[in-house]
Amino acid sequence: MSGVKRIIRVLCVLCVLCVLCVLCVEPAGAQILVGVEARRDRFTYHFDNPSSFDTPFLVPHFFEQRYVADNVWLTGSASYVAGIRWVTLAAVTPQRTSTADDYDTFFNPDGTVFVSGTTGGISIRSMRISQRGEVARRGAAALVSGYRLRLDGSEFHLGHKTVTRNGVLIEASDVTTRETTSSQLHEFLFGVTAAFDLGNHWGASVDTEVSPVALGRLLVQLPDKYPGRNLVFRATVGTVSSQATLARHFGDWALAFSLDGGRTWSYRSTATLSRRDLGLRLAITR
């Protein structure tokens, strides 16, 4: 089993344990939530680095990897007081088959542009964990800060490879070269949350979080091409996300519907992570 698979499995087990703890352990005054999310999730990495295609020397080059990470998530969270009010969240997905692209573009000195890469199926699974604390409150609104980690682990299947010269196809084939990747997104969050009582057992809340400095890290392993080597690329980005929730209370229990979305922006065109996601969640809280 590769190192990437080990990391993914360990983190997935930790997330499941966190969810089970959330469901089974209820600190005094805690609010417990368990839910299911459906998410539309697409992300792209772009990195510039010198390389070569048909020259004995390095030329300007960039590569891009595009992933379709749509999935269904199991989520669990607990809101509790330990000095200040905290919210701990863990979420995992099953492994599913999706698609991804991996293309390299080379700019030769004679003006020739080669584009070489593959598109095909992948096996992908994802997880995220977060810890958020309330640092100030005024009325129904609170200022929060925290940390969130998102991990996506992928294994590439049979890929369809194409090579073009100045936009003209010169080669097409199927490849079985092994490739696994691991994407990490580390966010250091600041945000505002507000809750409203709508009457007749209804309530609503709105959350907005911003991470002015977040780190995207892509680990690529190509054991057939670069045995024993880990190729690591990093992009400094910013993130923003918002969530709106509508809840109906039934005594000590509540049924909540949430809609949320987020995106990233990058600070350097030579190292970027572009991500947009949209999710719909149904949750039970107590």
Protein backbone atom coordinates (compact mmCIF):
# COMPACT_ATOMS: atom_id res chain seq x y z
CA MET A 1 0.00 0.00 0.00
CA SER A 2 1.39 3.40 -0.91
CA GLY A 3 2.13 6.09 1.67
CA VAL A 4 -0.67 8.23 0.28
CA LYS A 5 -3.20 5.44 0.77
CA ARG A 6 -2.02 4.90 4.33
CA ILE A 7 -2.44 8.59 5.16
CA ILE A 8 -5.90 8.71 3.59
CA ARG A 9 -7.07 5.61 5.42
CA VAL A 10 -5.72 6.78 8.78
CA LEU A 11 -7.35 10.20 8.39
CA CYS A 12 -10.62 8.63 7.27
CA VAL A 13 -10.59 6.37 10.35
CA LEU A 14 -9.89 9.40 12.55
CA CYS A 15 -12.78 11.27 10.97
CA VAL A 16 -15.15 8.34 11.50
CA LEU A 17 -14.04 8.13 15.13
CA CYS A 18 -14.65 11.87 15.53
CA VAL A 19 -18.14 11.47 14.09
CA LEU A 20 -18.87 8.55 16.42
CA CYS A 21 -17.60 10.55 19.39
CA VAL A 22 -19.85 13.42 18.40
CA LEU A 23 -22.82 11.06 18.26
CA CYS A 24 -22.06 9.07 21.40
CA VAL A 25 -20.46 11.55 23.82
CA GLU A 26 -22.49 14.53 24.87
CA PRO A 27 -20.73 17.05 27.10
CA ALA A 28 -22.94 19.11 29.38
CA GLY A 29 -24.60 21.86 27.41
CA ALA A 30 -23.36 20.54 24.06
CA GLN A 31 -25.34 20.75 20.86
CA ILE A 32 -24.86 17.64 18.73
CA LEU A 33 -25.40 17.51 14.96
CA VAL A 34 -25.26 14.66 12.47
CA GLY A 35 -26.05 15.15 8.81
CA VAL A 36 -25.68 14.11 5.19
CA GLU A 37 -24.39 16.48 2.51
CA ALA A 38 -24.49 16.36 -1.28
CA ARG A 39 -21.67 18.48 -2.74
CA ARG A 40 -20.72 19.70 -6.18
CA ASP A 41 -16.95 20.16 -5.92
CA ARG A 42 -14.38 20.97 -8.63
CA PHE A 43 -10.76 21.99 -8.16
CA THR A 44 -7.72 22.68 -10.36
CA TYR A 45 -4.02 22.97 -9.56
CA HIS A 46 -1.65 24.94 -11.86
CA PHE A 47 2.12 25.12 -11.37
CA ASP A 48 4.90 26.60 -13.52
CA ASN A 49 8.29 24.87 -13.43
CA PRO A 50 11.01 24.40 -16.09
CA SER A 51 10.90 21.05 -17.88
CA SER A 52 11.46 19.57 -21.34
CA PHE A 53 9.57 17.54 -23.93
CA ASP A 54 11.92 16.98 -26.91
CA THR A 55 14.89 19.19 -26.03
CA PRO A 56 18.09 18.36 -24.09
CA PHE A 57 17.59 21.49 -21.99
CA LEU A 58 14.80 22.88 -19.82
CA VAL A 59 12.13 25.16 -21.32
CA PRO A 60 9.24 27.16 -19.82
CA HIS A 61 6.52 24.72 -18.80
CA PHE A 62 3.40 24.41 -16.67
CA PHE A 63 1.09 21.57 -15.71
CA GLU A 64 -2.54 21.53 -14.65
CA GLN A 65 -4.56 18.89 -12.85
CA ARG A 66 -8.35 19.16 -12.81
CA TYR A 67 -10.51 17.05 -10.50
CA VAL A 68 -14.23 16.36 -10.21
CA ALA A 69 -14.69 15.69 -6.48
CA ASP A 70 -18.51 15.62 -6.31
CA ASN A 71 -19.59 13.31 -3.48
CA VAL A 72 -21.92 12.58 -0.57
CA TRP A 73 -20.60 13.40 2.90
CA LEU A 74 -21.38 12.10 6.38
CA THR A 75 -20.89 14.95 8.85
CA GLY A 76 -20.89 15.21 12.61
CA SER A 77 -20.25 18.18 14.87
CA ALA A 78 -20.48 19.25 18.48
CA SER A 79 -20.89 22.77 19.87
CA TYR A 80 -19.80 23.08 23.51
CA VAL A 81 -18.31 25.42 26.10
CA ALA A 82 -14.74 24.97 27.34
CA GLY A 83 -13.67 28.42 28.43
CA ILE A 84 -15.24 29.78 25.24
CA ARG A 85 -17.78 28.20 22.92
CA TRP A 86 -16.22 25.76 20.47
CA VAL A 87 -17.46 23.84 17.43
CA THR A 88 -15.67 20.64 16.41
CA LEU A 89 -16.57 19.09 13.06
CA ALA A 90 -15.54 15.96 11.17
CA ALA A 91 -16.78 14.74 7.78
CA VAL A 92 -15.92 11.87 5.44
CA THR A 93 -16.98 10.56 2.04
CA PRO A 94 -17.05 7.06 0.58
CA GLN A 95 -14.64 6.26 -2.23
CA ARG A 96 -16.22 6.88 -5.61
CA THR A 97 -15.23 6.79 -9.26
CA SER A 98 -14.90 10.21 -10.90
CA THR A 99 -12.76 11.93 -13.56
CA ALA A 100 -9.57 13.97 -13.66
CA ASP A 101 -7.19 15.55 -16.18
CA ASP A 102 -3.40 15.91 -15.99
CA TYR A 103 -1.81 18.00 -18.79
CA ASP A 104 1.66 19.48 -19.35
CA THR A 105 2.36 22.43 -21.67
CA PHE A 106 5.89 23.10 -23.00
CA PHE A 107 7.07 26.29 -24.74
CA ASN A 108 10.10 25.51 -26.94
CA PRO A 109 12.52 28.26 -28.03
CA ASP A 110 11.50 27.91 -31.70
CA GLY A 111 7.91 28.87 -30.85
CA THR A 112 6.55 25.31 -30.86
CA VAL A 113 4.04 24.56 -28.10
CA PHE A 114 3.57 20.94 -27.05
CA VAL A 115 0.66 19.84 -24.86
CA SER A 116 0.85 16.32 -23.47
CA GLY A 117 -1.39 14.68 -20.93
CA THR A 118 -4.16 12.32 -19.98
CA THR A 119 -7.82 12.37 -19.04
CA GLY A 120 -9.68 9.47 -17.49
CA GLY A 121 -11.19 7.92 -14.42
CA ILE A 122 -10.01 8.14 -10.83
CA SER A 123 -10.93 6.69 -7.47
CA ILE A 124 -11.32 9.56 -5.01
CA ARG A 125 -12.25 9.93 -1.37
CA SER A 126 -12.24 13.04 0.80
CA MET A 127 -12.34 14.15 4.42
CA ARG A 128 -12.33 17.37 6.40
CA ILE A 129 -11.93 18.32 10.04
CA SER A 130 -12.24 21.72 11.67
CA GLN A 131 -12.05 23.44 15.04
CA ARG A 132 -13.67 26.84 15.53
CA GLY A 133 -13.88 29.04 18.61
CA GLU A 134 -16.03 32.06 19.47
CA VAL A 135 -13.77 34.98 20.35
CA ALA A 136 -16.38 37.75 20.77
CA ARG A 137 -20.15 38.15 20.80
CA ARG A 138 -22.56 41.03 20.48
CA GLY A 139 -26.25 40.16 20.56
CA ALA A 140 -27.09 37.47 18.02
CA ALA A 141 -23.78 37.86 16.18
CA ALA A 142 -20.42 36.34 17.07
CA LEU A 143 -16.86 36.64 15.80
CA VAL A 144 -15.13 33.28 15.37
CA SER A 145 -11.71 31.96 14.36
CA GLY A 146 -10.33 28.50 13.74
CA TYR A 147 -8.63 25.98 11.48
CA ARG A 148 -9.89 23.58 8.81
CA LEU A 149 -8.12 20.77 6.94
CA ARG A 150 -9.48 19.31 3.71
CA LEU A 151 -7.87 16.22 2.16
CA ASP A 152 -8.65 14.59 -1.19
CA GLY A 153 -6.84 11.37 -2.14
CA SER A 154 -6.99 10.09 -5.72
CA GLU A 155 -5.75 7.07 -7.66
CA PHE A 156 -5.73 7.39 -11.44
CA HIS A 157 -7.17 4.61 -13.63
CA LEU A 158 -6.61 3.90 -17.33
CA GLY A 159 -6.06 7.25 -19.04
CA HIS A 160 -6.45 8.47 -22.61
CA LYS A 161 -3.24 10.28 -23.55
CA THR A 162 -2.96 12.92 -26.27
CA VAL A 163 -0.04 14.96 -27.55
CA THR A 164 -0.50 18.09 -29.67
CA ARG A 165 2.01 20.31 -31.48
CA ASN A 166 0.74 23.87 -31.92
CA GLY A 167 -2.80 22.60 -31.43
CA VAL A 168 -2.53 19.73 -33.94
CA LEU A 169 -2.95 16.18 -32.61
CA ILE A 170 0.20 14.10 -33.26
CA GLU A 171 -0.31 11.18 -30.85
CA ALA A 172 -3.17 9.43 -29.05
CA SER A 173 -3.00 6.32 -26.91
CA ASP A 174 -4.21 4.71 -23.69
CA VAL A 175 -1.80 4.60 -20.75
CA THR A 176 -1.73 2.54 -17.58
CA THR A 177 1.10 4.40 -15.84
CA ARG A 178 0.34 4.43 -12.12
CA GLU A 179 -0.34 7.78 -10.49
CA THR A 180 -1.68 8.73 -7.07
CA THR A 181 -2.18 12.23 -5.72
CA SER A 182 -3.04 13.79 -2.40
CA SER A 183 -4.44 17.31 -2.14
CA GLN A 184 -4.41 19.16 1.18
CA LEU A 185 -6.01 22.53 1.90
CA HIS A 186 -5.08 24.16 5.23
CA GLU A 187 -7.30 27.13 6.15
CA PHE A 188 -6.79 29.55 9.05
CA LEU A 189 -10.25 30.99 9.44
CA PHE A 190 -11.90 34.19 10.63
CA GLY A 191 -15.63 34.63 10.40
CA VAL A 192 -18.94 36.01 11.58
CA THR A 193 -21.98 33.96 12.55
CA ALA A 194 -25.46 35.19 13.40
CA ALA A 195 -28.55 33.30 14.62
CA PHE A 196 -32.17 34.47 14.43
CA ASP A 197 -35.38 33.28 16.11
CA LEU A 198 -38.13 33.31 13.48
CA GLY A 199 -40.92 32.26 15.86
CA ASN A 200 -43.27 29.24 15.72
CA HIS A 201 -40.34 26.88 16.42
CA TRP A 202 -38.34 28.10 13.42
CA GLY A 203 -34.82 29.49 13.48
CA ALA A 204 -32.18 30.56 11.00
CA SER A 205 -28.46 31.21 10.99
CA VAL A 206 -25.91 32.68 8.60
CA ASP A 207 -22.16 31.99 8.68
CA THR A 208 -19.38 33.58 6.63
CA GLU A 209 -15.72 32.55 6.93
CA VAL A 210 -12.60 33.94 5.27
CA SER A 211 -9.06 32.59 5.25
CA PRO A 212 -6.79 35.35 3.89
CA VAL A 213 -3.83 32.94 3.86
CA ALA A 214 -4.45 29.27 3.17
CA LEU A 215 -2.06 26.60 1.91
CA GLY A 216 -2.82 24.20 -0.93
CA ARG A 217 -0.42 21.25 -1.12
CA LEU A 218 -0.38 18.71 -3.95
CA LEU A 219 1.59 15.48 -3.57
CA VAL A 220 2.08 13.46 -6.78
CA GLN A 221 3.49 9.93 -6.86
CA LEU A 222 4.46 8.29 -10.20
CA PRO A 223 6.12 5.01 -9.17
CA ASP A 224 6.57 3.77 -12.75
CA LYS A 225 8.23 7.00 -13.92
CA TYR A 226 9.89 8.28 -10.73
CA PRO A 227 10.20 5.30 -8.36
CA GLY A 228 10.58 6.28 -4.73
CA ARG A 229 10.08 10.01 -5.39
CA ASN A 230 7.41 12.28 -3.99
CA LEU A 231 6.69 15.37 -6.09
CA VAL A 232 5.34 18.14 -3.85
CA PHE A 233 3.89 21.45 -5.03
CA ARG A 234 2.48 24.28 -2.89
CA ALA A 235 0.18 27.21 -3.61
CA THR A 236 -0.65 30.06 -1.23
CA VAL A 237 -4.31 31.00 -1.67
CA GLY A 238 -7.23 32.67 0.05
CA THR A 239 -10.65 31.16 0.69
CA VAL A 240 -14.15 32.40 1.42
CA SER A 241 -17.29 30.43 2.26
CA SER A 242 -20.83 31.13 3.43
CA GLN A 243 -23.63 28.99 4.82
CA ALA A 244 -27.32 29.65 5.41
CA THR A 245 -29.33 27.32 7.66
CA LEU A 246 -33.06 27.01 8.32
CA ALA A 247 -34.13 24.83 11.27
CA ARG A 248 -37.45 23.54 12.64
CA HIS A 249 -37.39 22.71 16.35
CA PHE A 250 -39.27 19.77 17.88
CA GLY A 251 -38.69 19.99 21.61
CA ASP A 252 -35.05 19.07 22.27
CA TRP A 253 -34.52 18.10 18.64
CA ALA A 254 -34.34 20.07 15.42
CA LEU A 255 -34.29 19.33 11.72
CA ALA A 256 -31.96 21.66 9.79
CA PHE A 257 -31.51 22.40 6.10
CA SER A 258 -28.31 24.16 5.01
CA LEU A 259 -27.01 25.58 1.75
CA ASP A 260 -23.37 26.59 1.52
CA GLY A 261 -20.76 27.49 -1.05
CA GLY A 262 -17.13 28.48 -1.22
CA ARG A 263 -14.28 29.41 -3.51
CA THR A 264 -10.57 30.12 -3.50
CA TRP A 265 -8.37 32.81 -5.02
CA SER A 266 -4.63 32.66 -5.70
CA TYR A 267 -1.88 35.22 -5.17
CA ARG A 268 0.56 34.00 -7.86
CA SER A 269 -0.31 32.94 -11.39
CA THR A 270 2.59 30.46 -11.34
CA ALA A 271 1.19 28.45 -8.39
CA THR A 272 -2.58 28.35 -8.11
CA LEU A 273 -5.40 26.33 -6.60
CA SER A 274 -8.80 27.14 -8.04
CA ARG A 275 -11.71 25.57 -6.18
CA ARG A 276 -15.47 26.11 -6.20
CA ASP A 277 -17.94 24.00 -4.27
CA LEU A 278 -21.63 24.05 -3.46
CA GLY A 279 -23.35 21.86 -0.89
CA LEU A 280 -26.81 20.99 0.42
CA ARG A 281 -27.11 19.39 3.86
CA LEU A 282 -29.89 17.75 5.84
CA ALA A 283 -29.06 17.38 9.53
CA ILE A 284 -30.58 16.41 12.86
CA THR A 285 -29.47 18.39 15.88
CA ARG A 286 -30.00 18.02 19.60
